[in-house]
Amino acid sequence: MKSRTDGMWWGTAIEAPNPGGLARFYAELLGWHIGHEEAGTVVVASPQGPFFVFQQAEGYRAPVWPPADGEQRPMMHFDFQVGDLDSAVAEAVALGATLAEDQPQENVRVLLDPAGHPFCLCLDEG
């Protein structure tokens, strides 16, 4: 984008029924910090620059994994590379994630965050 200059921020906005709770989940999971909080909106910031904005969603319906006809489809998901898949899954579950039943790849684990959004932990095999 030509109008952007060095130092400008960028991020992703995620709808949630409880933005504060979901923001704290991801802040703990990623070791990031809460950068801003107001009614209905909480920002989780990375030390390297990107951020997640969690916004209040009235009438929120959690996506279904795997996608199913007639159900709310996941519109996007996060992928996080990890060095130890089993310990990363255990940590995420301890923070409130749920391991999805359907696991399509051996080196990736699909989990659901506390609001039901799927996210993937991907093993760094390099």
N, C-alpha and C. Protein backbone atom coordinates (compact mmCIF):
# COMPACT_ATOMS: atom_id res chain seq x y z
N MET A 1 0.84 -1.16 0.00
CA MET A 1 0.00 0.00 0.00
C MET A 1 0.90 1.24 0.00
N LYS A 2 0.76 2.05 -0.99
CA LYS A 2 1.66 3.19 -1.19
C LYS A 2 1.56 4.25 -0.10
N SER A 3 0.43 4.35 0.57
CA SER A 3 0.29 5.39 1.59
C SER A 3 0.92 5.00 2.92
N ARG A 4 1.38 3.76 3.04
CA ARG A 4 2.02 3.32 4.29
C ARG A 4 3.47 3.79 4.33
N THR A 5 3.93 4.11 5.52
CA THR A 5 5.33 4.47 5.72
C THR A 5 5.91 3.58 6.80
N ASP A 6 7.24 3.55 6.93
CA ASP A 6 7.89 2.75 7.97
C ASP A 6 7.33 3.14 9.33
N GLY A 7 7.13 2.16 10.15
CA GLY A 7 6.65 2.40 11.50
C GLY A 7 5.14 2.37 11.66
N MET A 8 4.39 2.33 10.57
CA MET A 8 2.94 2.25 10.69
C MET A 8 2.55 0.84 11.13
N TRP A 9 1.53 0.74 11.97
CA TRP A 9 1.12 -0.54 12.51
C TRP A 9 0.19 -1.27 11.55
N TRP A 10 0.03 -2.56 11.79
CA TRP A 10 -0.89 -3.39 11.02
C TRP A 10 -1.36 -4.52 11.91
N GLY A 11 -2.50 -5.10 11.59
CA GLY A 11 -3.01 -6.17 12.42
C GLY A 11 -4.25 -6.81 11.84
N THR A 12 -4.89 -7.60 12.68
CA THR A 12 -6.07 -8.37 12.30
C THR A 12 -7.15 -8.14 13.36
N ALA A 13 -8.39 -7.96 12.94
CA ALA A 13 -9.50 -7.80 13.88
C ALA A 13 -10.30 -9.11 13.92
N ILE A 14 -10.66 -9.53 15.12
CA ILE A 14 -11.35 -10.80 15.34
C ILE A 14 -12.59 -10.53 16.17
N GLU A 15 -13.73 -11.02 15.73
CA GLU A 15 -14.96 -10.88 16.50
C GLU A 15 -15.03 -11.96 17.57
N ALA A 16 -15.60 -11.59 18.72
CA ALA A 16 -15.69 -12.53 19.83
C ALA A 16 -16.85 -12.15 20.74
N PRO A 17 -17.44 -13.13 21.43
CA PRO A 17 -18.50 -12.81 22.38
C PRO A 17 -17.93 -12.17 23.65
N ASN A 18 -16.66 -12.44 23.96
CA ASN A 18 -15.99 -11.90 25.14
C ASN A 18 -14.59 -11.44 24.70
N PRO A 19 -14.47 -10.23 24.14
CA PRO A 19 -13.17 -9.80 23.60
C PRO A 19 -12.06 -9.75 24.63
N GLY A 20 -12.37 -9.36 25.86
CA GLY A 20 -11.33 -9.31 26.89
C GLY A 20 -10.78 -10.68 27.22
N GLY A 21 -11.66 -11.64 27.37
CA GLY A 21 -11.23 -13.01 27.68
C GLY A 21 -10.41 -13.61 26.55
N LEU A 22 -10.85 -13.40 25.32
CA LEU A 22 -10.13 -13.96 24.18
C LEU A 22 -8.78 -13.25 24.00
N ALA A 23 -8.75 -11.95 24.23
CA ALA A 23 -7.49 -11.21 24.14
C ALA A 23 -6.49 -11.73 25.17
N ARG A 24 -6.94 -11.97 26.39
CA ARG A 24 -6.03 -12.48 27.43
C ARG A 24 -5.54 -13.89 27.08
N PHE A 25 -6.41 -14.72 26.47
CA PHE A 25 -5.98 -16.05 26.03
C PHE A 25 -4.81 -15.93 25.05
N TYR A 26 -4.96 -15.12 24.00
CA TYR A 26 -3.89 -14.99 23.00
C TYR A 26 -2.66 -14.27 23.56
N ALA A 27 -2.85 -13.30 24.46
CA ALA A 27 -1.70 -12.64 25.07
C ALA A 27 -0.86 -13.65 25.84
N GLU A 28 -1.51 -14.52 26.61
CA GLU A 28 -0.79 -15.56 27.36
C GLU A 28 -0.16 -16.58 26.42
N LEU A 29 -0.93 -17.03 25.43
CA LEU A 29 -0.44 -18.05 24.50
C LEU A 29 0.81 -17.59 23.77
N LEU A 30 0.82 -16.33 23.34
CA LEU A 30 1.90 -15.82 22.49
C LEU A 30 2.97 -15.04 23.25
N GLY A 31 2.73 -14.75 24.53
CA GLY A 31 3.67 -13.94 25.29
C GLY A 31 3.65 -12.48 24.85
N TRP A 32 2.52 -12.02 24.33
CA TRP A 32 2.35 -10.63 23.91
C TRP A 32 1.70 -9.87 25.07
N HIS A 33 1.44 -8.59 24.88
CA HIS A 33 0.84 -7.80 25.95
C HIS A 33 -0.46 -7.12 25.47
N ILE A 34 -1.30 -6.80 26.45
CA ILE A 34 -2.51 -6.03 26.16
C ILE A 34 -2.05 -4.59 25.92
N GLY A 35 -2.27 -4.09 24.71
CA GLY A 35 -1.82 -2.76 24.35
C GLY A 35 -2.87 -1.69 24.57
N HIS A 36 -4.14 -2.08 24.56
CA HIS A 36 -5.22 -1.10 24.71
C HIS A 36 -6.49 -1.88 25.05
N GLU A 37 -7.30 -1.29 25.93
CA GLU A 37 -8.57 -1.92 26.28
C GLU A 37 -9.61 -0.84 26.52
N GLU A 38 -10.77 -1.02 25.91
CA GLU A 38 -11.92 -0.16 26.15
C GLU A 38 -13.16 -1.03 26.00
N ALA A 39 -14.31 -0.51 26.32
CA ALA A 39 -15.54 -1.30 26.24
C ALA A 39 -15.71 -1.90 24.84
N GLY A 40 -15.75 -3.24 24.78
CA GLY A 40 -16.00 -3.93 23.52
C GLY A 40 -14.80 -4.11 22.62
N THR A 41 -13.63 -3.60 22.99
CA THR A 41 -12.43 -3.71 22.14
C THR A 41 -11.19 -3.88 23.00
N VAL A 42 -10.39 -4.88 22.67
CA VAL A 42 -9.12 -5.10 23.36
C VAL A 42 -8.06 -5.41 22.30
N VAL A 43 -6.90 -4.77 22.42
CA VAL A 43 -5.80 -4.94 21.47
C VAL A 43 -4.67 -5.72 22.14
N VAL A 44 -4.20 -6.77 21.46
CA VAL A 44 -3.03 -7.54 21.91
C VAL A 44 -1.91 -7.23 20.93
N ALA A 45 -0.78 -6.77 21.46
CA ALA A 45 0.31 -6.31 20.61
C ALA A 45 1.53 -7.21 20.70
N SER A 46 2.17 -7.41 19.57
CA SER A 46 3.41 -8.17 19.47
C SER A 46 4.60 -7.24 19.65
N PRO A 47 5.68 -7.73 20.23
CA PRO A 47 6.89 -6.91 20.31
C PRO A 47 7.44 -6.56 18.92
N GLN A 48 7.14 -7.36 17.90
CA GLN A 48 7.65 -7.11 16.56
C GLN A 48 6.72 -6.26 15.69
N GLY A 49 5.55 -5.90 16.18
CA GLY A 49 4.74 -4.98 15.40
C GLY A 49 3.31 -5.35 15.10
N PRO A 50 2.96 -6.56 14.64
CA PRO A 50 1.55 -6.80 14.33
C PRO A 50 0.73 -6.85 15.61
N PHE A 51 -0.57 -6.70 15.47
CA PHE A 51 -1.44 -6.79 16.62
C PHE A 51 -2.74 -7.48 16.25
N PHE A 52 -3.45 -7.94 17.26
CA PHE A 52 -4.79 -8.49 17.10
C PHE A 52 -5.75 -7.57 17.85
N VAL A 53 -6.85 -7.22 17.21
CA VAL A 53 -7.92 -6.46 17.87
C VAL A 53 -9.08 -7.41 18.07
N PHE A 54 -9.51 -7.57 19.29
CA PHE A 54 -10.67 -8.41 19.60
C PHE A 54 -11.85 -7.48 19.84
N GLN A 55 -12.92 -7.67 19.06
CA GLN A 55 -14.07 -6.78 19.10
C GLN A 55 -15.33 -7.54 19.49
N GLN A 56 -16.16 -6.85 20.27
CA GLN A 56 -17.43 -7.42 20.71
C GLN A 56 -18.30 -7.74 19.51
N ALA A 57 -18.89 -8.92 19.49
CA ALA A 57 -19.78 -9.34 18.41
C ALA A 57 -21.11 -9.78 19.00
N GLU A 58 -22.12 -9.00 18.76
CA GLU A 58 -23.47 -9.39 19.19
C GLU A 58 -23.96 -10.51 18.29
N GLY A 59 -24.63 -11.49 18.85
CA GLY A 59 -25.15 -12.60 18.06
C GLY A 59 -24.06 -13.51 17.51
N TYR A 60 -22.90 -13.54 18.15
CA TYR A 60 -21.76 -14.33 17.68
C TYR A 60 -22.12 -15.81 17.57
N ARG A 61 -21.71 -16.42 16.47
CA ARG A 61 -21.83 -17.87 16.28
C ARG A 61 -20.44 -18.40 16.02
N ALA A 62 -19.99 -19.32 16.83
CA ALA A 62 -18.66 -19.89 16.66
C ALA A 62 -18.59 -20.67 15.35
N PRO A 63 -17.45 -20.59 14.66
CA PRO A 63 -17.29 -21.41 13.44
C PRO A 63 -17.18 -22.89 13.79
N VAL A 64 -17.46 -23.72 12.81
CA VAL A 64 -17.41 -25.17 13.00
C VAL A 64 -16.19 -25.72 12.26
N TRP A 65 -15.42 -26.56 12.95
CA TRP A 65 -14.27 -27.23 12.33
C TRP A 65 -14.45 -28.73 12.46
N PRO A 66 -14.31 -29.48 11.37
CA PRO A 66 -14.11 -29.00 10.01
C PRO A 66 -15.38 -28.34 9.48
N PRO A 67 -15.25 -27.53 8.42
CA PRO A 67 -16.43 -26.85 7.87
C PRO A 67 -17.54 -27.84 7.53
N ALA A 68 -18.77 -27.43 7.79
CA ALA A 68 -19.93 -28.29 7.53
C ALA A 68 -21.02 -27.45 6.86
N ASP A 69 -21.70 -28.05 5.89
CA ASP A 69 -22.78 -27.35 5.19
C ASP A 69 -23.81 -26.83 6.17
N GLY A 70 -24.23 -25.59 5.97
CA GLY A 70 -25.25 -25.00 6.80
C GLY A 70 -24.77 -24.44 8.13
N GLU A 71 -23.52 -24.61 8.45
CA GLU A 71 -22.95 -24.12 9.71
C GLU A 71 -22.04 -22.92 9.44
N GLN A 72 -21.72 -22.17 10.49
CA GLN A 72 -20.81 -21.04 10.36
C GLN A 72 -19.42 -21.57 10.00
N ARG A 73 -18.92 -21.16 8.85
CA ARG A 73 -17.60 -21.59 8.38
C ARG A 73 -16.51 -20.73 9.00
N PRO A 74 -15.33 -21.29 9.27
CA PRO A 74 -14.20 -20.46 9.65
C PRO A 74 -13.83 -19.56 8.47
N MET A 75 -13.74 -18.28 8.70
CA MET A 75 -13.42 -17.34 7.63
C MET A 75 -11.91 -17.13 7.51
N MET A 76 -11.19 -17.44 8.57
CA MET A 76 -9.74 -17.32 8.61
C MET A 76 -9.27 -18.07 9.84
N HIS A 77 -7.98 -18.31 9.92
CA HIS A 77 -7.44 -18.88 11.15
C HIS A 77 -5.97 -18.48 11.28
N PHE A 78 -5.45 -18.57 12.49
CA PHE A 78 -4.05 -18.28 12.74
C PHE A 78 -3.23 -19.56 12.63
N ASP A 79 -2.01 -19.45 12.13
CA ASP A 79 -1.02 -20.52 12.15
C ASP A 79 0.15 -20.02 12.98
N PHE A 80 0.59 -20.83 13.95
CA PHE A 80 1.74 -20.49 14.78
C PHE A 80 2.75 -21.62 14.68
N GLN A 81 3.97 -21.31 14.30
CA GLN A 81 5.03 -22.31 14.21
C GLN A 81 5.58 -22.56 15.62
N VAL A 82 5.80 -23.83 15.95
CA VAL A 82 6.30 -24.22 17.28
C VAL A 82 7.43 -25.22 17.13
N GLY A 83 8.27 -25.31 18.15
CA GLY A 83 9.39 -26.24 18.13
C GLY A 83 9.06 -27.60 18.71
N ASP A 84 8.06 -27.68 19.59
CA ASP A 84 7.65 -28.94 20.22
C ASP A 84 6.12 -28.98 20.20
N LEU A 85 5.58 -29.77 19.32
CA LEU A 85 4.14 -29.79 19.09
C LEU A 85 3.37 -30.24 20.33
N ASP A 86 3.82 -31.32 20.97
CA ASP A 86 3.09 -31.83 22.13
C ASP A 86 3.04 -30.82 23.27
N SER A 87 4.17 -30.18 23.58
CA SER A 87 4.16 -29.21 24.69
C SER A 87 3.38 -27.96 24.32
N ALA A 88 3.41 -27.54 23.05
CA ALA A 88 2.65 -26.37 22.62
C ALA A 88 1.15 -26.65 22.73
N VAL A 89 0.73 -27.85 22.35
CA VAL A 89 -0.68 -28.22 22.48
C VAL A 89 -1.08 -28.23 23.95
N ALA A 90 -0.26 -28.82 24.79
CA ALA A 90 -0.57 -28.89 26.23
C ALA A 90 -0.69 -27.49 26.82
N GLU A 91 0.20 -26.58 26.44
CA GLU A 91 0.16 -25.21 26.93
C GLU A 91 -1.12 -24.52 26.49
N ALA A 92 -1.47 -24.66 25.20
CA ALA A 92 -2.69 -24.02 24.68
C ALA A 92 -3.94 -24.57 25.38
N VAL A 93 -3.99 -25.86 25.60
CA VAL A 93 -5.13 -26.48 26.27
C VAL A 93 -5.22 -25.99 27.72
N ALA A 94 -4.09 -25.87 28.39
CA ALA A 94 -4.08 -25.37 29.77
C ALA A 94 -4.60 -23.94 29.86
N LEU A 95 -4.42 -23.17 28.79
CA LEU A 95 -4.90 -21.78 28.77
C LEU A 95 -6.37 -21.67 28.37
N GLY A 96 -6.98 -22.78 27.90
CA GLY A 96 -8.40 -22.75 27.56
C GLY A 96 -8.75 -23.20 26.16
N ALA A 97 -7.76 -23.58 25.36
CA ALA A 97 -8.05 -24.09 24.01
C ALA A 97 -8.57 -25.52 24.09
N THR A 98 -9.19 -25.95 23.01
CA THR A 98 -9.69 -27.32 22.89
C THR A 98 -9.06 -27.94 21.65
N LEU A 99 -8.57 -29.16 21.78
CA LEU A 99 -8.03 -29.88 20.63
C LEU A 99 -9.19 -30.33 19.75
N ALA A 100 -9.15 -29.96 18.47
CA ALA A 100 -10.21 -30.35 17.54
C ALA A 100 -10.16 -31.85 17.28
N GLU A 101 -11.32 -32.45 17.04
CA GLU A 101 -11.37 -33.88 16.73
C GLU A 101 -10.69 -34.19 15.41
N ASP A 102 -10.95 -33.37 14.40
CA ASP A 102 -10.40 -33.60 13.06
C ASP A 102 -9.00 -33.02 12.97
N GLN A 103 -8.01 -33.87 12.72
CA GLN A 103 -6.61 -33.46 12.62
C GLN A 103 -6.09 -33.92 11.25
N PRO A 104 -6.08 -33.02 10.25
CA PRO A 104 -5.78 -33.42 8.88
C PRO A 104 -4.30 -33.64 8.55
N GLN A 105 -3.37 -33.20 9.42
CA GLN A 105 -1.95 -33.36 9.11
C GLN A 105 -1.19 -33.85 10.33
N GLU A 106 -0.15 -34.64 10.10
CA GLU A 106 0.63 -35.20 11.20
C GLU A 106 1.45 -34.13 11.93
N ASN A 107 1.95 -33.14 11.21
CA ASN A 107 2.84 -32.15 11.82
C ASN A 107 2.11 -30.84 12.19
N VAL A 108 0.78 -30.87 12.19
CA VAL A 108 -0.04 -29.69 12.52
C VAL A 108 -1.13 -30.15 13.48
N ARG A 109 -1.43 -29.31 14.48
CA ARG A 109 -2.55 -29.59 15.36
C ARG A 109 -3.53 -28.43 15.25
N VAL A 110 -4.79 -28.78 14.98
CA VAL A 110 -5.87 -27.80 14.94
C VAL A 110 -6.48 -27.74 16.33
N LEU A 111 -6.55 -26.53 16.87
CA LEU A 111 -7.19 -26.30 18.16
C LEU A 111 -8.27 -25.24 17.98
N LEU A 112 -9.15 -25.15 18.97
CA LEU A 112 -10.19 -24.13 18.98
C LEU A 112 -9.93 -23.22 20.17
N ASP A 113 -9.91 -21.91 19.93
CA ASP A 113 -9.69 -20.98 21.04
C ASP A 113 -10.97 -20.91 21.88
N PRO A 114 -10.96 -20.20 23.00
CA PRO A 114 -12.15 -20.18 23.87
C PRO A 114 -13.43 -19.68 23.20
N ALA A 115 -13.33 -18.93 22.10
CA ALA A 115 -14.52 -18.48 21.38
C ALA A 115 -14.88 -19.42 20.24
N GLY A 116 -14.09 -20.49 20.04
CA GLY A 116 -14.39 -21.47 19.00
C GLY A 116 -13.68 -21.24 17.68
N HIS A 117 -12.85 -20.19 17.56
CA HIS A 117 -12.09 -19.98 16.33
C HIS A 117 -11.01 -21.05 16.22
N PRO A 118 -10.88 -21.71 15.07
CA PRO A 118 -9.77 -22.66 14.92
C PRO A 118 -8.44 -21.91 14.75
N PHE A 119 -7.37 -22.51 15.26
CA PHE A 119 -6.02 -22.03 15.00
C PHE A 119 -5.13 -23.26 14.93
N CYS A 120 -4.00 -23.11 14.26
CA CYS A 120 -3.10 -24.25 14.06
C CYS A 120 -1.75 -24.02 14.71
N LEU A 121 -1.24 -25.07 15.33
CA LEU A 121 0.13 -25.11 15.79
C LEU A 121 0.88 -26.01 14.81
N CYS A 122 1.92 -25.44 14.18
CA CYS A 122 2.63 -26.12 13.10
C CYS A 122 4.04 -26.43 13.55
N LEU A 123 4.44 -27.69 13.49
CA LEU A 123 5.77 -28.11 13.92
C LEU A 123 6.84 -27.61 12.99
N ASP A 124 7.86 -26.98 13.55
CA ASP A 124 9.04 -26.54 12.79
C ASP A 124 9.94 -27.76 12.65
N GLU A 125 9.95 -28.35 11.47
CA GLU A 125 10.76 -29.56 11.25
C GLU A 125 12.10 -29.25 10.62
N GLY A 126 12.44 -27.97 10.54
CA GLY A 126 13.67 -27.57 9.89
C GLY A 126 14.77 -27.48 10.84
